[in-house]
Amino acid sequence: MSLISPACRDALQHWLDSLGALSGRSENTLTAYRGDVSEFLSFMTLHNSARQGLAALEQITVSDMRAWMAQQRETGVGARSLARKLSAVKTFYRWLAEREGFEPTAVLSTRAPKYTKKLPRPLAEDAARAMIETVELQSTSDWVAARDVAVVTLLYGCGLRISEALSLKGADAPLPSTLRILGKGGKERIVPVIQAAKDSVEHYLQLCPHSQSPNAPLFRGVRGGQLNPRAIQGVMAKARMQLGLPSTATPHAMRHSFATHLLSAGGDLRAIQELLGHASLSTTQTYTAVDTARLMEVYNRAHPKA
């Protein structure tokens, strides 16, 4: 942030504060926005050999935008990531232009690079079960193995994001029949807890050497702090290599498998949408890897024509 002028730094902070207060954006999203816009402002400072005060920001040209995008690609930023960064910059500029009363056309008219959207790929049912069983074999410590199994079982059995599973507290144990989960954007949902998830968490707690308290993290790292998601990502990477599964067999794939297997078994799209915490049904349709005919069959059953 040292390359950014105080006025721009203040404007950036005000924008982030307004997003947090009015739009309910998550801390992770705000952190990503801060990094993306800060990098952009720092680049413009170096590109124009002068600190970018608010007046200078109003003068940014299409050529400046092209230079920034070219620099990003040269440093290895992919098309998808660059599109995300550009979206953050545009959102900030739209807010700033309204606040300062200038025309942001040069920035807002910049086109994002095209990229192919990667759909999440689910595991087959037997592969999902094998993943849970193989995760248990990755640690020589019984309690760590039980912990990893408990986390992965929650991802697959309850459709949780890894961040949601790792945000559980001691007060959530023993797991009830339903969990109140605070998801992306502060959206709250109720998730049923299957018996296998209850049992795996209970087994982990029986073996965990760290004392449990209501406000402490439910899932602990080796030293007793909150478990880092990279630990679960790493143990799943080892397991998938042993099983011969593709690199797409990640923690997120377990959540996706949960949704896909429910839909394949006849689950209702609207119900699955609620379980996943998706804001729109179209997101759930994209998220689930089933054929179009199957989607329409479930959709029509849920919403019969009059």
Protein backbone atom coordinates (compact mmCIF):
# COMPACT_ATOMS: atom_id res chain seq x y z
CA MET A 1 0.00 0.00 0.00
CA SER A 2 3.06 2.32 0.29
CA LEU A 3 2.88 3.31 -3.40
CA ILE A 4 -0.71 4.47 -3.02
CA SER A 5 -1.50 8.06 -2.09
CA PRO A 6 -3.26 8.73 1.21
CA ALA A 7 -6.38 9.96 -0.61
CA CYS A 8 -6.63 6.76 -2.64
CA ARG A 9 -5.92 4.64 0.40
CA ASP A 10 -8.74 6.36 2.27
CA ALA A 11 -11.10 5.98 -0.68
CA LEU A 12 -10.29 2.29 -0.95
CA GLN A 13 -10.99 1.78 2.75
CA HIS A 14 -14.27 3.69 2.57
CA TRP A 15 -15.34 1.56 -0.39
CA LEU A 16 -14.51 -1.67 1.44
CA ASP A 17 -16.33 -0.46 4.55
CA SER A 18 -19.42 0.34 2.50
CA LEU A 19 -19.35 -3.09 0.85
CA GLY A 20 -19.07 -4.80 4.20
CA ALA A 21 -21.88 -2.78 5.74
CA LEU A 22 -24.33 -2.56 2.85
CA SER A 23 -23.67 -5.64 0.74
CA GLY A 24 -22.76 -8.15 3.42
CA ARG A 25 -19.63 -9.26 1.58
CA SER A 26 -17.54 -11.82 3.46
CA GLU A 27 -14.16 -10.99 4.96
CA ASN A 28 -12.47 -13.24 2.40
CA THR A 29 -14.12 -11.34 -0.45
CA LEU A 30 -13.17 -7.96 1.00
CA THR A 31 -9.58 -9.11 1.49
CA ALA A 32 -9.41 -10.24 -2.13
CA TYR A 33 -10.89 -6.91 -3.31
CA ARG A 34 -8.39 -4.97 -1.24
CA GLY A 35 -5.48 -6.90 -2.74
CA ASP A 36 -6.74 -6.64 -6.33
CA VAL A 37 -7.46 -2.90 -6.24
CA SER A 38 -4.26 -2.13 -4.30
CA GLU A 39 -2.19 -3.95 -6.92
CA PHE A 40 -3.95 -1.99 -9.65
CA LEU A 41 -3.35 1.37 -7.98
CA SER A 42 0.30 0.50 -7.33
CA PHE A 43 0.78 -0.44 -10.97
CA MET A 44 -0.69 2.86 -12.13
CA THR A 45 1.67 4.72 -9.82
CA LEU A 46 4.70 3.02 -11.40
CA HIS A 47 3.24 3.15 -14.91
CA ASN A 48 2.70 6.91 -14.77
CA SER A 49 5.73 7.63 -12.57
CA ALA A 50 3.58 9.47 -10.04
CA ARG A 51 1.38 8.68 -7.10
CA GLN A 52 -2.21 8.22 -8.16
CA GLY A 53 -4.24 10.79 -6.31
CA LEU A 54 -7.96 10.93 -6.91
CA ALA A 55 -7.52 13.50 -9.68
CA ALA A 56 -5.02 11.26 -11.46
CA LEU A 57 -7.38 8.30 -11.25
CA GLU A 58 -9.95 10.27 -13.22
CA GLN A 59 -7.45 10.55 -16.09
CA ILE A 60 -6.74 6.82 -16.56
CA THR A 61 -7.05 5.92 -20.23
CA VAL A 62 -7.87 2.83 -22.25
CA SER A 63 -4.14 2.58 -23.03
CA ASP A 64 -3.36 2.54 -19.29
CA MET A 65 -5.86 -0.27 -18.79
CA ARG A 66 -4.34 -2.30 -21.60
CA ALA A 67 -0.88 -1.81 -20.10
CA TRP A 68 -2.09 -3.08 -16.73
CA MET A 69 -3.75 -6.14 -18.24
CA ALA A 70 -0.66 -6.91 -20.32
CA GLN A 71 1.53 -6.66 -17.22
CA GLN A 72 -0.77 -9.03 -15.36
CA ARG A 73 -0.61 -11.64 -18.10
CA GLU A 74 3.18 -11.32 -18.31
CA THR A 75 3.45 -12.13 -14.61
CA GLY A 76 1.49 -15.34 -15.10
CA VAL A 77 -2.01 -14.24 -14.07
CA GLY A 78 -4.53 -16.46 -15.85
CA ALA A 79 -7.54 -15.22 -17.78
CA ARG A 80 -10.00 -16.24 -15.05
CA SER A 81 -8.00 -14.51 -12.30
CA LEU A 82 -7.53 -11.40 -14.42
CA ALA A 83 -11.27 -11.24 -15.06
CA ARG A 84 -11.82 -11.36 -11.30
CA LYS A 85 -9.28 -8.58 -10.69
CA LEU A 86 -10.84 -6.42 -13.41
CA SER A 87 -14.27 -6.94 -11.87
CA ALA A 88 -12.98 -5.69 -8.51
CA VAL A 89 -11.37 -2.64 -10.15
CA LYS A 90 -14.56 -1.82 -12.04
CA THR A 91 -16.68 -2.12 -8.91
CA PHE A 92 -14.35 0.24 -7.08
CA TYR A 93 -14.30 2.70 -9.98
CA ARG A 94 -18.07 2.72 -10.34
CA TRP A 95 -18.37 3.61 -6.66
CA LEU A 96 -15.58 6.20 -6.85
CA ALA A 97 -17.02 7.86 -9.96
CA GLU A 98 -20.41 8.29 -8.30
CA ARG A 99 -18.73 9.67 -5.18
CA GLU A 100 -16.36 12.07 -6.96
CA GLY A 101 -18.52 12.90 -9.97
CA PHE A 102 -16.27 11.86 -12.87
CA GLU A 103 -16.75 9.70 -15.97
CA PRO A 104 -15.22 6.20 -15.56
CA THR A 105 -15.78 5.01 -19.14
CA ALA A 106 -12.14 4.06 -19.83
CA VAL A 107 -12.14 1.63 -16.93
CA LEU A 108 -15.70 0.34 -17.18
CA SER A 109 -15.47 -0.28 -20.94
CA THR A 110 -12.41 -2.53 -20.56
CA ARG A 111 -13.32 -6.04 -21.63
CA ALA A 112 -12.41 -9.01 -19.48
CA PRO A 113 -10.38 -11.76 -21.16
CA LYS A 114 -12.39 -14.74 -22.31
CA TYR A 115 -11.97 -17.97 -20.42
CA THR A 116 -13.63 -21.35 -20.28
CA LYS A 117 -15.56 -21.76 -17.09
CA LYS A 118 -14.50 -24.96 -15.36
CA LEU A 119 -17.37 -26.92 -13.96
CA PRO A 120 -16.71 -28.78 -10.71
CA ARG A 121 -16.40 -32.53 -11.23
CA PRO A 122 -17.97 -34.91 -8.73
CA LEU A 123 -16.53 -38.21 -7.60
CA ALA A 124 -18.43 -41.42 -8.23
CA GLU A 125 -20.15 -42.74 -5.11
CA ASP A 126 -17.64 -45.56 -4.62
CA ALA A 127 -14.75 -43.11 -5.14
CA ALA A 128 -16.17 -40.73 -2.54
CA ARG A 129 -16.39 -43.54 0.00
CA ALA A 130 -12.89 -44.72 -0.92
CA MET A 131 -11.59 -41.17 -0.42
CA ILE A 132 -12.90 -41.07 3.15
CA GLU A 133 -11.43 -44.50 3.89
CA THR A 134 -8.06 -43.62 2.37
CA VAL A 135 -7.82 -40.24 4.11
CA GLU A 136 -7.80 -42.15 7.39
CA LEU A 137 -4.61 -43.97 6.36
CA GLN A 138 -2.54 -40.84 5.77
CA SER A 139 -1.56 -40.12 9.37
CA THR A 140 0.29 -42.22 11.95
CA SER A 141 -1.53 -40.30 14.70
CA ASP A 142 -4.90 -41.83 15.50
CA TRP A 143 -6.50 -38.53 16.52
CA VAL A 144 -5.28 -36.69 13.40
CA ALA A 145 -6.58 -39.50 11.21
CA ALA A 146 -9.94 -39.34 12.99
CA ARG A 147 -10.00 -35.56 12.59
CA ASP A 148 -9.37 -35.74 8.85
CA VAL A 149 -12.07 -38.37 8.39
CA ALA A 150 -14.54 -36.24 10.36
CA VAL A 151 -13.89 -33.16 8.22
CA VAL A 152 -14.13 -34.99 4.88
CA THR A 153 -17.28 -36.80 6.06
CA LEU A 154 -18.89 -33.42 6.81
CA LEU A 155 -17.97 -32.15 3.34
CA TYR A 156 -19.51 -35.16 1.62
CA GLY A 157 -22.28 -36.05 4.06
CA CYS A 158 -23.59 -32.53 4.69
CA GLY A 159 -22.41 -30.60 1.62
CA LEU A 160 -20.38 -28.10 3.62
CA ARG A 161 -17.68 -25.88 2.19
CA ILE A 162 -14.34 -26.56 3.85
CA SER A 163 -14.40 -23.06 5.38
CA GLU A 164 -17.81 -23.84 6.89
CA ALA A 165 -16.68 -27.16 8.36
CA LEU A 166 -13.57 -25.59 9.88
CA SER A 167 -15.56 -22.71 11.37
CA LEU A 168 -17.49 -25.06 13.65
CA LYS A 169 -16.91 -24.48 17.37
CA GLY A 170 -16.77 -26.69 20.42
CA ALA A 171 -20.31 -25.56 21.23
CA ASP A 172 -21.51 -27.37 18.09
CA ALA A 173 -20.51 -30.76 19.55
CA PRO A 174 -21.93 -33.27 19.91
CA LEU A 175 -23.40 -32.57 16.50
CA PRO A 176 -27.20 -32.10 16.59
CA SER A 177 -29.61 -33.40 13.97
CA THR A 178 -29.32 -30.07 12.12
CA LEU A 179 -26.62 -27.42 11.94
CA ARG A 180 -27.12 -23.70 11.43
CA ILE A 181 -24.43 -22.74 8.91
CA LEU A 182 -23.36 -19.20 8.05
CA GLY A 183 -22.22 -19.36 4.44
CA LYS A 184 -21.03 -16.95 1.77
CA GLY A 185 -22.25 -13.39 2.08
CA GLY A 186 -23.56 -14.07 5.56
CA LYS A 187 -26.34 -16.26 4.14
CA GLU A 188 -27.64 -18.63 6.82
CA ARG A 189 -29.02 -22.10 6.15
CA ILE A 190 -30.08 -25.20 8.07
CA VAL A 191 -28.24 -28.41 7.15
CA PRO A 192 -29.33 -31.90 8.27
CA VAL A 193 -26.50 -33.94 9.84
CA ILE A 194 -26.31 -37.60 8.87
CA GLN A 195 -25.42 -40.20 11.49
CA ALA A 196 -22.08 -40.99 9.85
CA ALA A 197 -21.02 -37.36 10.35
CA LYS A 198 -22.13 -37.39 13.98
CA ASP A 199 -20.24 -40.63 14.62
CA SER A 200 -17.04 -39.47 12.90
CA VAL A 201 -16.97 -36.19 14.85
CA GLU A 202 -17.66 -38.00 18.12
CA HIS A 203 -14.82 -40.46 17.43
CA TYR A 204 -12.47 -37.56 16.70
CA LEU A 205 -13.42 -35.80 19.93
CA GLN A 206 -12.80 -38.93 21.96
CA LEU A 207 -9.23 -39.10 20.62
CA CYS A 208 -8.38 -35.38 20.38
CA PRO A 209 -5.71 -34.47 22.99
CA HIS A 210 -6.74 -30.81 23.11
CA SER A 211 -9.39 -29.70 25.58
CA GLN A 212 -12.67 -28.57 24.11
CA SER A 213 -14.39 -25.33 25.06
CA PRO A 214 -17.53 -23.76 23.54
CA ASN A 215 -15.71 -20.90 21.78
CA ALA A 216 -12.67 -22.88 20.65
CA PRO A 217 -12.42 -24.35 17.14
CA LEU A 218 -13.95 -27.81 16.90
CA PHE A 219 -11.23 -29.02 14.54
CA ARG A 220 -7.71 -28.45 15.83
CA GLY A 221 -4.31 -28.39 14.22
CA VAL A 222 -1.50 -30.50 15.67
CA ARG A 223 -0.46 -27.67 17.99
CA GLY A 224 -3.99 -26.99 19.14
CA GLY A 225 -4.87 -23.97 16.99
CA GLN A 226 -7.61 -23.84 14.37
CA LEU A 227 -7.10 -26.40 11.63
CA ASN A 228 -5.78 -24.89 8.41
CA PRO A 229 -7.71 -25.91 5.27
CA ARG A 230 -4.39 -26.66 3.58
CA ALA A 231 -4.00 -29.64 5.90
CA ILE A 232 -7.18 -31.22 4.53
CA GLN A 233 -6.25 -30.27 0.97
CA GLY A 234 -2.88 -31.95 1.48
CA VAL A 235 -4.23 -35.16 2.96
CA MET A 236 -6.77 -35.45 0.16
CA ALA A 237 -4.03 -34.90 -2.41
CA LYS A 238 -2.12 -37.87 -0.97
CA ALA A 239 -5.24 -40.01 -0.88
CA ARG A 240 -6.25 -39.26 -4.46
CA MET A 241 -2.76 -40.21 -5.71
CA GLN A 242 -3.07 -43.57 -3.97
CA LEU A 243 -6.54 -44.08 -5.44
CA GLY A 244 -5.57 -42.91 -8.93
CA LEU A 245 -8.13 -40.11 -8.86
CA PRO A 246 -7.69 -36.87 -10.86
CA SER A 247 -6.48 -33.57 -9.40
CA THR A 248 -10.10 -32.41 -9.30
CA ALA A 249 -10.71 -34.72 -6.30
CA THR A 250 -10.47 -31.83 -3.84
CA PRO A 251 -12.40 -30.86 -0.70
CA HIS A 252 -14.76 -28.84 -2.88
CA ALA A 253 -15.37 -31.92 -5.05
CA MET A 254 -16.73 -33.73 -1.97
CA ARG A 255 -19.37 -30.99 -1.54
CA HIS A 256 -20.15 -31.20 -5.24
CA SER A 257 -20.44 -34.99 -5.01
CA PHE A 258 -22.94 -34.57 -2.17
CA ALA A 259 -25.18 -32.46 -4.42
CA THR A 260 -24.80 -34.62 -7.50
CA HIS A 261 -25.51 -37.89 -5.71
CA LEU A 262 -28.58 -36.41 -4.01
CA LEU A 263 -29.92 -35.20 -7.34
CA SER A 264 -29.20 -38.53 -9.01
CA ALA A 265 -31.15 -40.27 -6.25
CA GLY A 266 -34.20 -38.13 -6.98
CA GLY A 267 -33.56 -35.15 -4.72
CA ASP A 268 -35.49 -31.96 -5.42
CA LEU A 269 -33.49 -29.13 -6.99
CA ARG A 270 -35.00 -26.52 -4.69
CA ALA A 271 -34.18 -28.55 -1.60
CA ILE A 272 -30.61 -29.13 -2.79
CA GLN A 273 -30.31 -25.40 -3.52
CA GLU A 274 -31.22 -24.69 0.10
CA LEU A 275 -28.82 -27.32 1.45
CA LEU A 276 -25.95 -25.86 -0.55
CA GLY A 277 -26.80 -22.25 0.28
CA HIS A 278 -27.01 -21.13 -3.35
CA ALA A 279 -28.74 -17.82 -3.97
CA SER A 280 -30.26 -18.97 -7.27
CA LEU A 281 -31.47 -22.24 -8.74
CA SER A 282 -29.36 -21.68 -11.86
CA THR A 283 -26.22 -21.97 -9.74
CA THR A 284 -27.34 -25.36 -8.47
CA GLN A 285 -28.13 -26.52 -12.00
CA THR A 286 -24.63 -25.57 -13.16
CA TYR A 287 -23.08 -27.08 -10.06
CA THR A 288 -24.63 -30.52 -10.45
CA ALA A 289 -23.15 -32.81 -13.11
CA VAL A 290 -26.21 -34.60 -14.44
CA ASP A 291 -27.66 -34.69 -17.94
CA THR A 292 -30.22 -32.17 -19.12
CA ALA A 293 -33.01 -34.72 -19.31
CA ARG A 294 -32.49 -35.61 -15.64
CA LEU A 295 -32.52 -31.95 -14.64
CA MET A 296 -35.76 -31.33 -16.49
CA GLU A 297 -37.36 -34.45 -15.01
CA VAL A 298 -36.62 -33.30 -11.45
CA TYR A 299 -37.54 -29.69 -12.24
CA ASN A 300 -40.88 -30.63 -13.76
CA ARG A 301 -41.71 -32.91 -10.86
CA ALA A 302 -41.00 -30.09 -8.43
CA HIS A 303 -42.90 -27.51 -10.48
CA PRO A 304 -45.68 -29.32 -12.40
CA LYS A 305 -47.53 -27.38 -15.02
CA ALA A 306 -51.01 -26.22 -14.15
